[in-house]
């Protein structure tokens, strides 16, 4: 009959460790997310700036290429049969 109280104690201890670990993991996840959020915002802003610069370079290059093409002659198409 001594075994039953010992088993109840061990089950309670295991549940306590499990609940304590879950609370600890939840707290750590919250703190890590709070620490990373400002850095993620800064990286996102840098990526947005880089995307804007690349788009500007592409549009500028496209405008330069379009300005160099002769406007009087339409582009020639080749036929599929080779003639």
PDB file of N, CA and C in Angstrom:
ATOM      1  N   UNK A   1       0.811  -1.202   0.000  1.00  0.00           N
ATOM      2  CA  UNK A   1       0.000   0.000   0.000  1.00  0.00           C
ATOM      3  C   UNK A   1       0.853   1.266   0.000  1.00  0.00           C
ATOM      4  N   UNK A   2       2.124   1.130   0.193  1.00  0.00           N
ATOM      5  CA  UNK A   2       3.023   2.281   0.186  1.00  0.00           C
ATOM      6  C   UNK A   2       3.300   2.734  -1.247  1.00  0.00           C
ATOM      7  N   UNK A   3       3.098   1.855  -2.213  1.00  0.00           N
ATOM      8  CA  UNK A   3       3.411   2.139  -3.609  1.00  0.00           C
ATOM      9  C   UNK A   3       2.456   3.189  -4.184  1.00  0.00           C
ATOM     10  N   UNK A   4       1.202   3.174  -3.808  1.00  0.00           N
ATOM     11  CA  UNK A   4       0.212   4.088  -4.386  1.00  0.00           C
ATOM     12  C   UNK A   4       0.544   5.543  -4.086  1.00  0.00           C
ATOM     13  N   UNK A   5       0.859   5.949  -2.846  1.00  0.00           N
ATOM     14  CA  UNK A   5       1.221   7.353  -2.608  1.00  0.00           C
ATOM     15  C   UNK A   5       2.502   7.774  -3.346  1.00  0.00           C
ATOM     16  N   UNK A   6       3.442   6.845  -3.483  1.00  0.00           N
ATOM     17  CA  UNK A   6       4.678   7.169  -4.213  1.00  0.00           C
ATOM     18  C   UNK A   6       4.363   7.393  -5.687  1.00  0.00           C
ATOM     19  N   UNK A   7       3.504   6.561  -6.277  1.00  0.00           N
ATOM     20  CA  UNK A   7       3.109   6.751  -7.682  1.00  0.00           C
ATOM     21  C   UNK A   7       2.358   8.061  -7.870  1.00  0.00           C
ATOM     22  N   UNK A   8       1.478   8.392  -6.942  1.00  0.00           N
ATOM     23  CA  UNK A   8       0.749   9.658  -7.023  1.00  0.00           C
ATOM     24  C   UNK A   8       1.736  10.827  -6.948  1.00  0.00           C
ATOM     25  N   UNK A   9       2.724  10.733  -6.075  1.00  0.00           N
ATOM     26  CA  UNK A   9       3.730  11.796  -5.964  1.00  0.00           C
ATOM     27  C   UNK A   9       4.512  11.945  -7.274  1.00  0.00           C
ATOM     28  N   UNK A  10       4.949  10.821  -7.845  1.00  0.00           N
ATOM     29  CA  UNK A  10       5.722  10.888  -9.084  1.00  0.00           C
ATOM     30  C   UNK A  10       4.894  11.412 -10.250  1.00  0.00           C
ATOM     31  N   UNK A  11       3.640  11.024 -10.329  1.00  0.00           N
ATOM     32  CA  UNK A  11       2.770  11.538 -11.390  1.00  0.00           C
ATOM     33  C   UNK A  11       2.567  13.041 -11.228  1.00  0.00           C
ATOM     34  N   UNK A  12       2.361  13.490 -10.002  1.00  0.00           N
ATOM     35  CA  UNK A  12       2.232  14.930  -9.751  1.00  0.00           C
ATOM     36  C   UNK A  12       3.507  15.681 -10.094  1.00  0.00           C
ATOM     37  N   UNK A  13       4.645  15.102  -9.744  1.00  0.00           N
ATOM     38  CA  UNK A  13       5.932  15.744 -10.060  1.00  0.00           C
ATOM     39  C   UNK A  13       6.130  15.829 -11.573  1.00  0.00           C
ATOM     40  N   UNK A  14       5.803  14.752 -12.280  1.00  0.00           N
ATOM     41  CA  UNK A  14       5.947  14.764 -13.738  1.00  0.00           C
ATOM     42  C   UNK A  14       5.013  15.788 -14.388  1.00  0.00           C
ATOM     43  N   UNK A  15       3.785  15.877 -13.897  1.00  0.00           N
ATOM     44  CA  UNK A  15       2.865  16.884 -14.427  1.00  0.00           C
ATOM     45  C   UNK A  15       3.367  18.291 -14.130  1.00  0.00           C
ATOM     46  N   UNK A  16       3.924  18.484 -12.938  1.00  0.00           N
ATOM     47  CA  UNK A  16       4.479  19.795 -12.598  1.00  0.00           C
ATOM     48  C   UNK A  16       5.633  20.182 -13.499  1.00  0.00           C
ATOM     49  N   UNK A  17       6.521  19.227 -13.769  1.00  0.00           N
ATOM     50  CA  UNK A  17       7.646  19.496 -14.665  1.00  0.00           C
ATOM     51  C   UNK A  17       7.145  19.789 -16.068  1.00  0.00           C
ATOM     52  N   UNK A  18       6.152  19.040 -16.512  1.00  0.00           N
ATOM     53  CA  UNK A  18       5.604  19.248 -17.854  1.00  0.00           C
ATOM     54  C   UNK A  18       4.963  20.628 -17.990  1.00  0.00           C
ATOM     55  N   UNK A  19       4.138  21.002 -17.032  1.00  0.00           N
ATOM     56  CA  UNK A  19       3.479  22.316 -17.079  1.00  0.00           C
ATOM     57  C   UNK A  19       4.507  23.429 -16.932  1.00  0.00           C
ATOM     58  N   UNK A  20       5.464  23.270 -16.043  1.00  0.00           N
ATOM     59  CA  UNK A  20       6.521  24.277 -15.878  1.00  0.00           C
ATOM     60  C   UNK A  20       7.350  24.444 -17.139  1.00  0.00           C
ATOM     61  N   UNK A  21       7.669  23.333 -17.801  1.00  0.00           N
ATOM     62  CA  UNK A  21       8.424  23.405 -19.058  1.00  0.00           C
ATOM     63  C   UNK A  21       7.633  24.091 -20.151  1.00  0.00           C
ATOM     64  N   UNK A  22       6.334  23.797 -20.207  1.00  0.00           N
ATOM     65  CA  UNK A  22       5.493  24.442 -21.226  1.00  0.00           C
ATOM     66  C   UNK A  22       5.427  25.947 -20.986  1.00  0.00           C
ATOM     67  N   UNK A  23       5.283  26.360 -19.729  1.00  0.00           N
ATOM     68  CA  UNK A  23       5.252  27.797 -19.431  1.00  0.00           C
ATOM     69  C   UNK A  23       6.590  28.458 -19.734  1.00  0.00           C
ATOM     70  N   UNK A  24       7.674  27.766 -19.443  1.00  0.00           N
ATOM     71  CA  UNK A  24       9.003  28.305 -19.726  1.00  0.00           C
ATOM     72  C   UNK A  24       9.212  28.470 -21.232  1.00  0.00           C
ATOM     73  N   UNK A  25       8.824  27.473 -22.009  1.00  0.00           N
ATOM     74  CA  UNK A  25       8.961  27.554 -23.472  1.00  0.00           C
ATOM     75  C   UNK A  25       8.107  28.688 -24.019  1.00  0.00           C
ATOM     76  N   UNK A  26       6.897  28.834 -23.488  1.00  0.00           N
ATOM     77  CA  UNK A  26       6.026  29.917 -23.956  1.00  0.00           C
ATOM     78  C   UNK A  26       6.641  31.279 -23.658  1.00  0.00           C
ATOM     79  N   UNK A  27       7.189  31.439 -22.466  1.00  0.00           N
ATOM     80  CA  UNK A  27       7.822  32.703 -22.093  1.00  0.00           C
ATOM     81  C   UNK A  27       9.038  32.978 -22.980  1.00  0.00           C
ATOM     82  N   UNK A  28       9.873  31.962 -23.202  1.00  0.00           N
ATOM     83  CA  UNK A  28      11.059  32.146 -24.033  1.00  0.00           C
ATOM     84  C   UNK A  28      10.701  32.493 -25.471  1.00  0.00           C
ATOM     85  N   UNK A  29       9.677  31.843 -26.021  1.00  0.00           N
ATOM     86  CA  UNK A  29       9.247  32.166 -27.386  1.00  0.00           C
ATOM     87  C   UNK A  29       8.774  33.609 -27.473  1.00  0.00           C
ATOM     88  N   UNK A  30       8.050  34.060 -26.460  1.00  0.00           N
ATOM     89  CA  UNK A  30       7.561  35.439 -26.450  1.00  0.00           C
ATOM     90  C   UNK A  30       8.728  36.421 -26.394  1.00  0.00           C
ATOM     91  N   UNK A  31       9.707  36.153 -25.558  1.00  0.00           N
ATOM     92  CA  UNK A  31      10.854  37.047 -25.419  1.00  0.00           C
ATOM     93  C   UNK A  31      11.720  37.056 -26.679  1.00  0.00           C
ATOM     94  N   UNK A  32      11.907  35.904 -27.289  1.00  0.00           N
ATOM     95  CA  UNK A  32      12.705  35.842 -28.517  1.00  0.00           C
ATOM     96  C   UNK A  32      12.006  36.604 -29.632  1.00  0.00           C
ATOM     97  N   UNK A  33      10.692  36.438 -29.751  1.00  0.00           N
ATOM     98  CA  UNK A  33       9.939  37.151 -30.788  1.00  0.00           C
ATOM     99  C   UNK A  33       9.982  38.655 -30.541  1.00  0.00           C
ATOM    100  N   UNK A  34       9.914  39.069 -29.295  1.00  0.00           N
ATOM    101  CA  UNK A  34       9.963  40.499 -28.988  1.00  0.00           C
ATOM    102  C   UNK A  34      11.342  41.075 -29.293  1.00  0.00           C
ATOM    103  N   UNK A  35      12.389  40.258 -29.150  1.00  0.00           N
ATOM    104  CA  UNK A  35      13.750  40.722 -29.407  1.00  0.00           C
ATOM    105  C   UNK A  35      14.037  40.788 -30.904  1.00  0.00           C
ATOM    106  N   UNK A  36      13.450  39.884 -31.674  1.00  0.00           N
ATOM    107  CA  UNK A  36      13.741  39.807 -33.109  1.00  0.00           C
ATOM    108  C   UNK A  36      12.911  40.798 -33.924  1.00  0.00           C
ATOM    109  N   UNK A  37      11.746  41.159 -33.455  1.00  0.00           N
ATOM    110  CA  UNK A  37      10.823  41.981 -34.242  1.00  0.00           C
ATOM    111  C   UNK A  37      11.438  43.286 -34.758  1.00  0.00           C
ATOM    112  N   UNK A  38      12.143  44.079 -33.943  1.00  0.00           N
ATOM    113  CA  UNK A  38      12.730  45.317 -34.498  1.00  0.00           C
ATOM    114  C   UNK A  38      13.765  45.043 -35.586  1.00  0.00           C
ATOM    115  N   UNK A  39      14.561  43.991 -35.408  1.00  0.00           N
ATOM    116  CA  UNK A  39      15.555  43.660 -36.432  1.00  0.00           C
ATOM    117  C   UNK A  39      14.879  43.216 -37.721  1.00  0.00           C
ATOM    118  N   UNK A  40      13.802  42.458 -37.596  1.00  0.00           N
ATOM    119  CA  UNK A  40      13.087  42.025 -38.797  1.00  0.00           C
ATOM    120  C   UNK A  40      12.494  43.210 -39.546  1.00  0.00           C
ATOM    121  N   UNK A  41      11.974  44.184 -38.806  1.00  0.00           N
ATOM    122  CA  UNK A  41      11.438  45.381 -39.465  1.00  0.00           C
ATOM    123  C   UNK A  41      12.539  46.130 -40.214  1.00  0.00           C
ATOM    124  N   UNK A  42      13.713  46.228 -39.592  1.00  0.00           N
ATOM    125  CA  UNK A  42      14.830  46.932 -40.229  1.00  0.00           C
ATOM    126  C   UNK A  42      15.290  46.191 -41.486  1.00  0.00           C
ATOM    127  N   UNK A  43      15.363  44.875 -41.428  1.00  0.00           N
ATOM    128  CA  UNK A  43      15.754  44.081 -42.598  1.00  0.00           C
ATOM    129  C   UNK A  43      14.712  44.215 -43.699  1.00  0.00           C
ATOM    130  N   UNK A  44      13.430  44.221 -43.322  1.00  0.00           N
ATOM    131  CA  UNK A  44      12.368  44.376 -44.320  1.00  0.00           C
ATOM    132  C   UNK A  44      12.471  45.732 -45.015  1.00  0.00           C
ATOM    133  N   UNK A  45      12.774  46.782 -44.269  1.00  0.00           N
ATOM    134  CA  UNK A  45      12.947  48.106 -44.877  1.00  0.00           C
ATOM    135  C   UNK A  45      14.132  48.115 -45.841  1.00  0.00           C
ATOM    136  N   UNK A  46      15.228  47.454 -45.459  1.00  0.00           N
ATOM    137  CA  UNK A  46      16.385  47.392 -46.351  1.00  0.00           C
ATOM    138  C   UNK A  46      16.046  46.625 -47.629  1.00  0.00           C
ATOM    139  N   UNK A  47      15.294  45.542 -47.493  1.00  0.00           N
ATOM    140  CA  UNK A  47      14.885  44.787 -48.678  1.00  0.00           C
ATOM    141  C   UNK A  47      13.959  45.605 -49.579  1.00  0.00           C
ATOM    142  N   UNK A  48      13.062  46.374 -48.980  1.00  0.00           N
ATOM    143  CA  UNK A  48      12.178  47.238 -49.770  1.00  0.00           C
ATOM    144  C   UNK A  48      12.987  48.292 -50.521  1.00  0.00           C
ATOM    145  N   UNK A  49      13.983  48.884 -49.865  1.00  0.00           N
ATOM    146  CA  UNK A  49      14.834  49.870 -50.528  1.00  0.00           C
ATOM    147  C   UNK A  49      15.618  49.248 -51.676  1.00  0.00           C
ATOM    148  N   UNK A  50      16.121  48.037 -51.452  1.00  0.00           N
ATOM    149  CA  UNK A  50      16.861  47.343 -52.505  1.00  0.00           C
ATOM    150  C   UNK A  50      15.962  47.026 -53.697  1.00  0.00           C
ATOM    151  N   UNK A  51      14.741  46.577 -53.421  1.00  0.00           N
ATOM    152  CA  UNK A  51      13.794  46.286 -54.490  1.00  0.00           C
ATOM    153  C   UNK A  51      13.464  47.543 -55.286  1.00  0.00           C
ATOM    154  N   UNK A  52      13.287  48.656 -54.598  1.00  0.00           N
ATOM    155  CA  UNK A  52      12.999  49.919 -55.275  1.00  0.00           C
ATOM    156  C   UNK A  52      14.166  50.340 -56.158  1.00  0.00           C
ATOM    157  N   UNK A  53      15.390  50.190 -55.660  1.00  0.00           N
ATOM    158  CA  UNK A  53      16.568  50.561 -56.448  1.00  0.00           C
ATOM    159  C   UNK A  53      16.704  49.683 -57.688  1.00  0.00           C
ATOM    160  N   UNK A  54      16.443  48.401 -57.546  1.00  0.00           N
ATOM    161  CA  UNK A  54      16.526  47.490 -58.702  1.00  0.00           C
ATOM    162  C   UNK A  54      15.448  47.824 -59.721  1.00  0.00           C
ATOM    163  N   UNK A  55      14.244  48.098 -59.253  1.00  0.00           N
ATOM    164  CA  UNK A  55      13.176  48.469 -60.185  1.00  0.00           C
ATOM    165  C   UNK A  55      13.510  49.764 -60.926  1.00  0.00           C
ATOM    166  N   UNK A  56      14.063  50.730 -60.217  1.00  0.00           N
ATOM    167  CA  UNK A  56      14.452  51.988 -60.854  1.00  0.00           C
ATOM    168  C   UNK A  56      15.533  51.747 -61.903  1.00  0.00           C
ATOM    169  N   UNK A  57      16.517  50.906 -61.586  1.00  0.00           N
ATOM    170  CA  UNK A  57      17.579  50.603 -62.553  1.00  0.00           C
ATOM    171  C   UNK A  57      17.016  49.898 -63.780  1.00  0.00           C
ATOM    172  N   UNK A  58      16.096  48.972 -63.571  1.00  0.00           N
ATOM    173  CA  UNK A  58      15.504  48.259 -64.710  1.00  0.00           C
ATOM    174  C   UNK A  58      14.681  49.183 -65.598  1.00  0.00           C
ATOM    175  N   UNK A  59      13.890  50.051 -64.984  1.00  0.00           N
ATOM    176  CA  UNK A  59      13.067  50.972 -65.766  1.00  0.00           C
ATOM    177  C   UNK A  59      13.952  51.951 -66.524  1.00  0.00           C
ATOM    178  N   UNK A  60      15.013  52.427 -65.885  1.00  0.00           N
ATOM    179  CA  UNK A  60      15.936  53.347 -66.549  1.00  0.00           C
ATOM    180  C   UNK A  60      16.610  52.662 -67.736  1.00  0.00           C
ATOM    181  N   UNK A  61      17.072  51.444 -67.529  1.00  0.00           N
ATOM    182  CA  UNK A  61      17.728  50.712 -68.616  1.00  0.00           C
ATOM    183  C   UNK A  61      16.751  50.443 -69.757  1.00  0.00           C
ATOM    184  N   UNK A  62      15.523  50.075 -69.423  1.00  0.00           N
ATOM    185  CA  UNK A  62      14.515  49.838 -70.459  1.00  0.00           C
ATOM    186  C   UNK A  62      14.244  51.117 -71.247  1.00  0.00           C
ATOM    187  N   UNK A  63      14.190  52.246 -70.559  1.00  0.00           N
ATOM    188  CA  UNK A  63      13.967  53.519 -71.251  1.00  0.00           C
ATOM    189  C   UNK A  63      15.137  53.850 -72.172  1.00  0.00           C
ATOM    190  N   UNK A  64      16.356  53.552 -71.723  1.00  0.00           N
ATOM    191  CA  UNK A  64      17.527  53.811 -72.571  1.00  0.00           C
ATOM    192  C   UNK A  64      17.491  52.934 -73.823  1.00  0.00           C
ATOM    193  N   UNK A  65      17.151  51.672 -73.637  1.00  0.00           N
ATOM    194  CA  UNK A  65      17.094  50.751 -74.785  1.00  0.00           C
ATOM    195  C   UNK A  65      15.975  51.156 -75.730  1.00  0.00           C
ATOM    196  N   UNK A  66      14.837  51.553 -75.193  1.00  0.00           N
ATOM    197  CA  UNK A  66      13.710  51.961 -76.036  1.00  0.00           C
ATOM    198  C   UNK A  66      14.045  53.226 -76.813  1.00  0.00           C
ATOM    199  N   UNK A  67      14.819  54.113 -76.250  1.00  0.00           N
ATOM    200  CA  UNK A  67      15.196  55.341 -76.932  1.00  0.00           C
ATOM    201  C   UNK A  67      16.190  55.101 -78.047  1.00  0.00           C
ATOM    202  N   UNK A  68      16.939  54.010 -78.009  1.00  0.00           N
ATOM    203  CA  UNK A  68      17.944  53.728 -79.027  1.00  0.00           C
ATOM    204  C   UNK A  68      17.372  52.995 -80.232  1.00  0.00           C
ATOM    205  N   UNK A  69      16.215  52.359 -80.099  1.00  0.00           N
ATOM    206  CA  UNK A  69      15.631  51.630 -81.216  1.00  0.00           C
ATOM    207  C   UNK A  69      15.105  52.594 -82.275  1.00  0.00           C
ATOM    208  N   UNK A  70      15.289  52.260 -83.565  1.00  0.00           N
ATOM    209  CA  UNK A  70      14.733  53.120 -84.618  1.00  0.00           C
ATOM    210  C   UNK A  70      13.205  53.030 -84.606  1.00  0.00           C
ATOM    211  N   UNK A  71      12.560  54.173 -84.640  1.00  0.00           N
ATOM    212  CA  UNK A  71      11.101  54.211 -84.545  1.00  0.00           C
ATOM    213  C   UNK A  71      10.437  53.988 -85.903  1.00  0.00           C
ATOM    214  N   UNK A  72      11.155  54.187 -87.029  1.00  0.00           N
ATOM    215  CA  UNK A  72      10.513  54.113 -88.333  1.00  0.00           C
ATOM    216  C   UNK A  72      10.300  52.681 -88.821  1.00  0.00           C
ATOM    217  N   UNK A  73      11.181  51.757 -88.512  1.00  0.00           N
ATOM    218  CA  UNK A  73      11.030  50.397 -89.038  1.00  0.00           C
ATOM    219  C   UNK A  73      10.513  49.462 -87.947  1.00  0.00           C
ATOM    220  N   UNK A  74       9.420  48.775 -88.246  1.00  0.00           N
ATOM    221  CA  UNK A  74       8.901  47.816 -87.260  1.00  0.00           C
ATOM    222  C   UNK A  74       9.830  46.607 -87.182  1.00  0.00           C
ATOM    223  N   UNK A  75       9.813  45.907 -86.099  1.00  0.00           N
ATOM    224  CA  UNK A  75      10.689  44.725 -85.988  1.00  0.00           C
ATOM    225  C   UNK A  75      10.294  43.653 -86.991  1.00  0.00           C
ATOM    226  N   UNK A  76      11.288  42.997 -87.556  1.00  0.00           N
ATOM    227  CA  UNK A  76      11.041  41.981 -88.573  1.00  0.00           C
ATOM    228  C   UNK A  76      10.729  40.657 -87.904  1.00  0.00           C
ATOM    229  N   UNK A  77       9.757  39.969 -88.475  1.00  0.00           N
ATOM    230  CA  UNK A  77       9.376  38.662 -87.958  1.00  0.00           C
ATOM    231  C   UNK A  77       9.894  37.590 -88.921  1.00  0.00           C
ATOM    232  N   UNK A  78      10.363  36.527 -88.368  1.00  0.00           N
ATOM    233  CA  UNK A  78      10.796  35.413 -89.230  1.00  0.00           C
ATOM    234  C   UNK A  78       9.670  34.399 -89.279  1.00  0.00           C
ATOM    235  N   UNK A  79       9.513  33.788 -90.405  1.00  0.00           N
ATOM    236  CA  UNK A  79       8.462  32.802 -90.567  1.00  0.00           C
ATOM    237  C   UNK A  79       8.929  31.460 -90.011  1.00  0.00           C
ATOM    238  N   UNK A  80       7.987  30.645 -89.670  1.00  0.00           N
ATOM    239  CA  UNK A  80       8.300  29.331 -89.111  1.00  0.00           C
ATOM    240  C   UNK A  80       8.878  28.409 -90.175  1.00  0.00           C
ATOM    241  N   UNK A  81       8.529  28.619 -91.474  1.00  0.00           N
ATOM    242  CA  UNK A  81       9.026  27.735 -92.533  1.00  0.00           C
ATOM    243  C   UNK A  81      10.403  28.156 -93.051  1.00  0.00           C
ATOM    244  N   UNK A  82      10.991  29.194 -92.484  1.00  0.00           N
ATOM    245  CA  UNK A  82      12.333  29.591 -92.847  1.00  0.00           C
ATOM    246  C   UNK A  82      12.443  30.589 -93.974  1.00  0.00           C
ATOM    247  N   UNK A  83      11.345  30.995 -94.590  1.00  0.00           N
ATOM    248  CA  UNK A  83      11.404  31.953 -95.708  1.00  0.00           C
ATOM    249  C   UNK A  83      11.069  33.341 -95.268  1.00  0.00           C
TER     250      UNK A  83
END
